[in-house]
Amino acid sequence: MRAMILRQPGKYSSNASLLEVTDVAAPSAGDGELLVRVSVCAVCRTDLDVVEGRVVAPRYPVVPGHQVVGRVAGIGRGVTGFREGDRVGVAWINSADGTCRWCRAGTENLCPQFRSTGCDVDGGYAEYLVVPAAFAHAIPNELTDTEAAPLLCAGAIGWRSLRLTRLSDGERLGLSGFGSSAHLVLQMARLRYPASPIYVFARDEGERAFAMELGAMWAGNFTDVPPELLDAVIDTTPVWKPMVELLPKLAPGGRFVINAIRKSSTDQSELLRLDYATHLWMEREIKSVANVTREDVRQLLALAVETGLRPTVEVLPLERANEALARLSSGARMRGAMVLSVSQSAAQTTTSSLQ
């Protein structure tokens, strides 16, 4: 099969191509598994973390990609509930042990044996992948492949982050960064908390304009002062500095939720510049988001069908995966999500967000 493989992590710079397009042996479904013929795979910043080495795979080469939509092409022994040709999605959570106290509580995202798609096992930057049937998601008929793919991580982790803010309708929500996940969170928040004003912080003027198009009350740079203190902030940026800048903009009792698997910085001392009185006093909270559960994904897919929530996407062929990741690495302007077309059946159009 055709695949984009990572032989060793590196850094994107001018003319760098860290992923290699090549032919490799196609996998087959083992016991309890599905073989999926990939239609599309959305691009996530966590893919970039894997490729640049901030998230370390247990072995190389590895095939990245964890927002996968495709069709069942093979069924392993013992699998029920799926037939060949069924359309399924595969998310970052590839498996968990199912027996630990976190799994028993429904928080398998915290399982010590959590395994990730596109890192611990090969992912969706390829024509085929395998996934345990228990961790595959039926894709509703109302969603196209390209609409569904970004919902599997950008959407699902955004949904989990929004719930972790414990926001009440009418409270003020801030979004730090405005890429693939945040542009979906803004729409979710408008639907779930219609009385809550949303304030967006982004470096790029185009991203701020996009946020206003989607219904933000206000949009500014990270150093700008919003009209009001915020009751909660969801941070989707890959660096520490926005956190340091935005914590003082939380109201007393405000909640700061970090929606990022890794943070990087050219100045590690930024973390040490937290001042208790400025950043944490008045019972402000900082909470991280770890992965997603299957229930997060399934709830978000159902919400998308119920409400008409849709991502804005740009479709690129699989062979341009390096270009997509390099754009993320450089901080280039984003307008929604990028989706890689893997099979010829994948849609080649751009879809619009819910307005």
Protein backbone atom coordinates (compact mmCIF):
# COMPACT_ATOMS: atom_id res chain seq x y z
CA MET A 1 0.00 0.00 0.00
CA ARG A 2 0.97 3.65 -0.37
CA ALA A 3 1.95 5.33 2.91
CA MET A 4 3.69 8.40 4.30
CA ILE A 5 6.20 7.02 6.81
CA LEU A 6 8.37 8.70 9.42
CA ARG A 7 11.76 7.01 9.71
CA GLN A 8 13.14 9.34 12.38
CA PRO A 9 11.82 12.59 13.92
CA GLY A 10 13.29 15.88 12.77
CA LYS A 11 12.45 19.57 12.43
CA TYR A 12 10.65 21.23 9.57
CA SER A 13 12.71 23.89 7.88
CA SER A 14 13.03 25.13 4.34
CA ASN A 15 12.78 22.22 1.88
CA ALA A 16 12.55 19.64 4.67
CA SER A 17 10.48 16.51 3.96
CA LEU A 18 10.35 14.43 7.10
CA LEU A 19 7.72 12.02 5.81
CA GLU A 20 8.58 9.70 2.93
CA VAL A 21 5.93 8.46 0.50
CA THR A 22 6.60 4.81 -0.24
CA ASP A 23 5.01 1.43 -0.80
CA VAL A 24 4.86 -0.83 2.27
CA ALA A 25 3.13 -4.09 3.06
CA ALA A 26 -0.56 -3.64 3.80
CA PRO A 27 -1.68 -4.83 7.26
CA SER A 28 -4.34 -7.46 7.90
CA ALA A 29 -7.00 -7.66 10.59
CA GLY A 30 -6.15 -9.79 13.61
CA ASP A 31 -8.52 -11.16 16.21
CA GLY A 32 -10.97 -8.49 17.30
CA GLU A 33 -9.72 -6.01 14.68
CA LEU A 34 -10.98 -4.24 11.58
CA LEU A 35 -8.97 -3.56 8.45
CA VAL A 36 -9.95 -0.09 7.23
CA ARG A 37 -9.39 1.27 3.72
CA VAL A 38 -8.65 4.91 4.42
CA SER A 39 -10.60 7.58 2.56
CA VAL A 40 -9.33 10.69 4.34
CA CYS A 41 -7.19 11.61 7.34
CA ALA A 42 -7.34 15.05 8.93
CA VAL A 43 -4.10 16.73 9.99
CA CYS A 44 -3.60 17.45 13.70
CA ARG A 45 -0.94 19.36 15.59
CA THR A 46 -0.25 16.15 17.49
CA ASP A 47 0.84 14.63 14.16
CA LEU A 48 3.40 17.43 14.03
CA ASP A 49 4.48 16.64 17.61
CA VAL A 50 5.09 13.02 16.56
CA VAL A 51 6.98 13.98 13.41
CA GLU A 52 9.15 16.59 15.16
CA GLY A 53 9.81 14.32 18.16
CA ARG A 54 7.98 16.05 21.00
CA VAL A 55 5.84 12.92 21.22
CA VAL A 56 8.09 9.87 20.89
CA ALA A 57 6.84 6.76 19.11
CA PRO A 58 7.85 3.41 20.61
CA ARG A 59 9.34 2.33 17.27
CA TYR A 60 10.26 3.72 13.87
CA PRO A 61 9.36 3.81 11.07
CA VAL A 62 5.79 4.77 11.97
CA VAL A 63 2.83 6.03 9.95
CA PRO A 64 1.26 9.16 11.56
CA GLY A 65 -2.38 10.22 11.42
CA HIS A 66 -5.27 9.75 13.83
CA GLN A 67 -8.38 11.46 12.42
CA VAL A 68 -9.26 8.73 9.97
CA VAL A 69 -12.41 7.98 8.00
CA GLY A 70 -12.65 4.95 5.75
CA ARG A 71 -14.54 1.75 5.02
CA VAL A 72 -14.19 -1.67 6.57
CA ALA A 73 -12.19 -3.85 4.17
CA GLY A 74 -11.59 -6.86 6.42
CA ILE A 75 -12.92 -8.27 9.69
CA GLY A 76 -10.93 -10.26 12.22
CA ARG A 77 -12.15 -13.25 14.16
CA GLY A 78 -14.59 -12.51 16.97
CA VAL A 79 -15.76 -9.14 15.65
CA THR A 80 -19.47 -8.40 15.74
CA GLY A 81 -21.40 -5.27 14.87
CA PHE A 82 -19.48 -4.40 11.69
CA ARG A 83 -19.71 -5.56 8.09
CA GLU A 84 -17.40 -5.04 5.14
CA GLY A 85 -18.18 -1.70 3.50
CA ASP A 86 -19.29 -0.01 6.73
CA ARG A 87 -17.99 3.53 7.10
CA VAL A 88 -15.95 4.00 10.28
CA GLY A 89 -13.77 6.55 12.01
CA VAL A 90 -10.55 6.01 13.95
CA ALA A 91 -9.43 8.52 16.57
CA TRP A 92 -6.31 9.12 18.69
CA ILE A 93 -7.44 6.50 21.21
CA ASN A 94 -6.53 3.19 19.59
CA SER A 95 -6.91 0.97 22.66
CA ALA A 96 -6.84 0.82 26.44
CA ASP A 97 -6.65 -2.15 28.80
CA GLY A 98 -10.31 -2.02 29.83
CA THR A 99 -9.59 -3.28 33.34
CA CYS A 100 -7.81 -0.50 35.25
CA ARG A 101 -9.72 1.82 37.58
CA TRP A 102 -9.74 4.60 34.99
CA CYS A 103 -11.21 2.36 32.29
CA ARG A 104 -13.81 1.04 34.71
CA ALA A 105 -14.79 4.64 35.48
CA GLY A 106 -15.18 5.52 31.79
CA THR A 107 -11.99 7.58 31.67
CA GLU A 108 -9.91 5.27 29.48
CA ASN A 109 -8.08 8.38 28.28
CA LEU A 110 -6.13 8.13 31.56
CA CYS A 111 -5.38 4.39 31.26
CA PRO A 112 -1.69 3.53 31.89
CA GLN A 113 -1.91 1.19 28.86
CA PHE A 114 -3.45 3.85 26.57
CA ARG A 115 -2.24 3.36 22.99
CA SER A 116 -2.49 6.04 20.34
CA THR A 117 -3.21 5.84 16.63
CA GLY A 118 -0.40 7.23 14.49
CA CYS A 119 2.17 6.95 17.27
CA ASP A 120 1.97 3.73 19.28
CA VAL A 121 0.51 2.00 16.21
CA ASP A 122 0.48 2.96 12.53
CA GLY A 123 -2.10 5.56 11.59
CA GLY A 124 -4.04 7.00 8.71
CA TYR A 125 -1.42 8.59 6.44
CA ALA A 126 -1.72 5.37 4.44
CA GLU A 127 -4.19 3.46 2.29
CA TYR A 128 -5.00 0.93 5.03
CA LEU A 129 -4.80 0.63 8.81
CA VAL A 130 -6.06 -1.77 11.46
CA VAL A 131 -7.95 -0.83 14.62
CA PRO A 132 -9.55 -2.84 17.43
CA ALA A 133 -13.24 -3.02 16.55
CA ALA A 134 -14.14 -1.78 20.04
CA PHE A 135 -12.36 1.50 19.27
CA ALA A 136 -13.85 2.12 15.81
CA HIS A 137 -16.66 4.66 15.44
CA ALA A 138 -19.62 4.39 13.10
CA ILE A 139 -19.79 7.55 10.98
CA PRO A 140 -23.32 8.97 10.65
CA ASN A 141 -24.73 9.17 7.12
CA GLU A 142 -25.33 12.90 7.56
CA LEU A 143 -21.57 13.61 7.58
CA THR A 144 -19.26 13.40 4.59
CA ASP A 145 -15.82 11.87 5.03
CA THR A 146 -14.10 15.26 5.00
CA GLU A 147 -16.62 16.72 7.45
CA ALA A 148 -16.29 13.82 9.87
CA ALA A 149 -12.48 13.50 9.98
CA PRO A 150 -11.64 16.68 11.97
CA LEU A 151 -14.41 15.88 14.45
CA LEU A 152 -12.57 12.73 15.57
CA CYS A 153 -9.84 14.65 17.42
CA ALA A 154 -10.00 18.42 16.92
CA GLY A 155 -13.71 18.28 17.59
CA ALA A 156 -13.71 15.59 20.27
CA ILE A 157 -10.86 17.10 22.30
CA GLY A 158 -12.52 20.49 21.95
CA TRP A 159 -15.77 19.01 23.25
CA ARG A 160 -13.95 17.48 26.23
CA SER A 161 -12.17 20.79 26.90
CA LEU A 162 -15.42 22.73 26.79
CA ARG A 163 -17.03 20.42 29.32
CA LEU A 164 -13.98 20.66 31.59
CA THR A 165 -14.40 24.45 31.80
CA ARG A 166 -17.63 23.87 33.76
CA LEU A 167 -19.00 26.91 31.95
CA SER A 168 -22.49 28.14 32.82
CA ASP A 169 -24.58 29.88 30.20
CA GLY A 170 -23.81 33.58 30.37
CA GLU A 171 -20.24 33.16 31.63
CA ARG A 172 -17.45 34.60 29.47
CA LEU A 173 -15.31 32.14 27.49
CA GLY A 174 -11.89 32.85 26.02
CA LEU A 175 -10.23 30.83 23.25
CA SER A 176 -6.44 31.00 23.04
CA GLY A 177 -5.34 30.23 19.49
CA PHE A 178 -7.76 29.72 16.61
CA GLY A 179 -6.91 26.65 14.58
CA SER A 180 -8.64 23.38 13.81
CA SER A 181 -9.92 22.66 17.33
CA ALA A 182 -10.78 26.19 18.44
CA HIS A 183 -12.88 26.99 15.38
CA LEU A 184 -15.06 24.01 16.32
CA VAL A 185 -15.12 24.87 20.04
CA LEU A 186 -16.41 28.34 19.23
CA GLN A 187 -19.34 26.85 17.34
CA MET A 188 -20.02 24.28 20.10
CA ALA A 189 -20.00 27.02 22.73
CA ARG A 190 -22.45 29.15 20.76
CA LEU A 191 -24.79 26.18 20.54
CA ARG A 192 -24.45 24.99 24.14
CA TYR A 193 -24.14 28.38 25.87
CA PRO A 194 -25.99 30.90 23.69
CA ALA A 195 -25.79 33.66 26.32
CA SER A 196 -22.02 33.34 26.77
CA PRO A 197 -19.84 35.90 24.94
CA ILE A 198 -16.74 34.37 23.35
CA TYR A 199 -13.40 36.19 23.19
CA VAL A 200 -10.68 34.91 20.85
CA PHE A 201 -6.92 35.51 21.09
CA ALA A 202 -4.82 34.83 17.99
CA ARG A 203 -1.65 36.29 16.48
CA ASP A 204 -2.89 36.30 12.92
CA GLU A 205 -5.28 39.01 11.79
CA GLY A 206 -6.94 36.62 9.33
CA GLU A 207 -7.64 34.09 12.08
CA ARG A 208 -9.14 36.83 14.24
CA ALA A 209 -11.39 37.88 11.34
CA PHE A 210 -12.44 34.24 10.87
CA ALA A 211 -13.36 34.04 14.57
CA MET A 212 -15.56 37.11 14.22
CA GLU A 213 -17.25 35.53 11.18
CA LEU A 214 -18.11 32.52 13.32
CA GLY A 215 -19.67 34.62 16.05
CA ALA A 216 -16.95 35.72 18.47
CA MET A 217 -17.85 38.78 20.53
CA TRP A 218 -14.27 40.10 20.35
CA ALA A 219 -10.94 39.02 18.86
CA GLY A 220 -7.48 40.35 19.62
CA ASN A 221 -3.83 39.47 20.02
CA PHE A 222 -2.58 37.65 23.12
CA THR A 223 -1.27 40.88 24.61
CA ASP A 224 -4.54 42.77 24.03
CA VAL A 225 -6.91 43.37 26.93
CA PRO A 226 -10.47 42.03 26.40
CA PRO A 227 -13.43 44.20 27.47
CA GLU A 228 -14.14 41.93 30.46
CA LEU A 229 -12.36 39.40 32.63
CA LEU A 230 -13.00 35.83 31.50
CA ASP A 231 -14.63 33.04 33.46
CA ALA A 232 -12.84 30.32 31.49
CA VAL A 233 -10.17 30.00 28.81
CA ILE A 234 -9.43 27.05 26.54
CA ASP A 235 -5.82 27.19 25.32
CA THR A 236 -5.08 25.38 22.04
CA THR A 237 -1.64 26.88 21.39
CA PRO A 238 1.59 24.81 21.32
CA VAL A 239 3.65 27.18 23.51
CA TRP A 240 3.74 28.49 27.09
CA LYS A 241 3.65 32.23 26.47
CA PRO A 242 -0.11 32.62 25.81
CA MET A 243 -0.83 30.90 29.11
CA VAL A 244 1.37 33.37 30.98
CA GLU A 245 -0.30 36.28 29.18
CA LEU A 246 -3.89 35.12 29.62
CA LEU A 247 -3.99 33.84 33.21
CA PRO A 248 -4.17 37.44 34.57
CA LYS A 249 -7.24 37.96 32.34
CA LEU A 250 -9.23 35.34 34.24
CA ALA A 251 -11.90 36.51 36.68
CA PRO A 252 -11.75 35.26 40.30
CA GLY A 253 -12.51 31.55 40.28
CA GLY A 254 -11.69 31.38 36.56
CA ARG A 255 -10.69 28.10 34.90
CA PHE A 256 -7.82 27.72 32.41
CA VAL A 257 -8.02 24.48 30.39
CA ILE A 258 -4.99 23.47 28.32
CA ASN A 259 -6.01 21.59 25.17
CA ALA A 260 -2.56 20.46 23.98
CA ILE A 261 -0.69 17.19 24.30
CA ARG A 262 2.68 18.98 24.42
CA LYS A 263 3.96 22.52 24.94
CA SER A 264 7.17 23.79 23.38
CA SER A 265 9.00 27.06 23.83
CA THR A 266 12.15 28.79 22.70
CA ASP A 267 12.30 30.28 26.17
CA GLN A 268 11.74 27.64 28.82
CA SER A 269 12.03 30.30 31.53
CA GLU A 270 8.56 31.50 30.52
CA LEU A 271 7.10 28.79 32.74
CA LEU A 272 9.11 30.09 35.68
CA ARG A 273 7.69 33.59 35.27
CA LEU A 274 4.37 32.60 36.83
CA ASP A 275 3.70 34.98 39.67
CA TYR A 276 1.32 33.71 42.33
CA ALA A 277 -0.52 36.99 42.89
CA THR A 278 -0.74 37.86 39.18
CA HIS A 279 -1.54 34.47 37.69
CA LEU A 280 -3.05 32.16 40.32
CA TRP A 281 -4.45 34.22 43.18
CA MET A 282 -8.24 34.36 43.70
CA GLU A 283 -8.70 30.61 43.21
CA ARG A 284 -7.91 30.50 39.52
CA GLU A 285 -7.50 26.95 38.22
CA ILE A 286 -5.25 25.33 35.61
CA LYS A 287 -6.32 21.97 34.18
CA SER A 288 -4.85 19.84 31.41
CA VAL A 289 -6.77 17.71 28.93
CA ALA A 290 -5.41 14.21 28.37
CA ASN A 291 -6.44 12.47 25.17
CA VAL A 292 -10.09 11.61 24.50
CA THR A 293 -12.44 8.80 25.41
CA ARG A 294 -14.60 6.86 22.98
CA GLU A 295 -17.62 8.55 24.54
CA ASP A 296 -16.17 11.99 23.73
CA VAL A 297 -15.95 11.03 20.05
CA ARG A 298 -19.42 9.51 19.90
CA GLN A 299 -21.06 12.42 21.71
CA LEU A 300 -19.44 14.90 19.36
CA LEU A 301 -20.51 13.00 16.24
CA ALA A 302 -24.07 12.92 17.57
CA LEU A 303 -23.92 16.64 18.35
CA ALA A 304 -22.76 17.38 14.82
CA VAL A 305 -25.73 15.53 13.36
CA GLU A 306 -28.19 17.14 15.77
CA THR A 307 -27.00 20.73 15.42
CA GLY A 308 -25.43 20.96 11.98
CA LEU A 309 -21.94 21.55 13.42
CA ARG A 310 -19.43 21.28 10.57
CA PRO A 311 -15.72 22.09 10.26
CA THR A 312 -14.21 24.32 7.64
CA VAL A 313 -11.70 22.16 5.76
CA GLU A 314 -9.00 22.40 3.13
CA VAL A 315 -8.40 19.14 1.25
CA LEU A 316 -4.89 18.16 0.13
CA PRO A 317 -3.63 14.93 -1.45
CA LEU A 318 -1.79 12.51 0.83
CA GLU A 319 1.51 13.28 -0.89
CA ARG A 320 1.34 16.86 0.42
CA ALA A 321 1.36 15.79 4.08
CA ASN A 322 4.80 17.35 4.57
CA GLU A 323 3.49 20.67 3.27
CA ALA A 324 0.52 20.54 5.65
CA LEU A 325 2.70 19.78 8.67
CA ALA A 326 5.29 22.39 7.69
CA ARG A 327 2.52 24.99 7.62
CA LEU A 328 1.55 24.03 11.16
CA SER A 329 5.18 24.13 12.24
CA SER A 330 5.71 27.63 10.81
CA GLY A 331 2.58 29.05 12.40
CA ALA A 332 1.08 29.86 9.00
CA ARG A 333 -2.46 31.17 8.89
CA MET A 334 -5.09 28.50 9.43
CA ARG A 335 -8.74 28.63 8.43
CA GLY A 336 -10.19 25.53 9.99
CA ALA A 337 -8.69 22.09 9.41
CA MET A 338 -6.55 20.44 6.75
CA VAL A 339 -7.65 17.00 5.51
CA LEU A 340 -5.53 14.61 3.46
CA SER A 341 -7.30 12.76 0.65
CA VAL A 342 -5.99 9.19 0.61
CA SER A 343 -8.33 7.25 -1.66
CA GLN A 344 -9.85 8.41 -4.93
CA SER A 345 -13.31 8.45 -3.34
CA ALA A 346 -12.45 11.28 -0.98
CA ALA A 347 -14.26 14.56 -1.63
CA GLN A 348 -12.14 17.26 -3.26
CA THR A 349 -14.16 20.27 -2.11
CA THR A 350 -13.98 22.66 0.79
CA THR A 351 -16.92 22.60 3.20
CA SER A 352 -18.19 25.54 5.20
CA SER A 353 -18.64 25.94 8.93
CA LEU A 354 -21.94 26.41 10.67
CA GLN A 355 -22.58 30.16 10.63
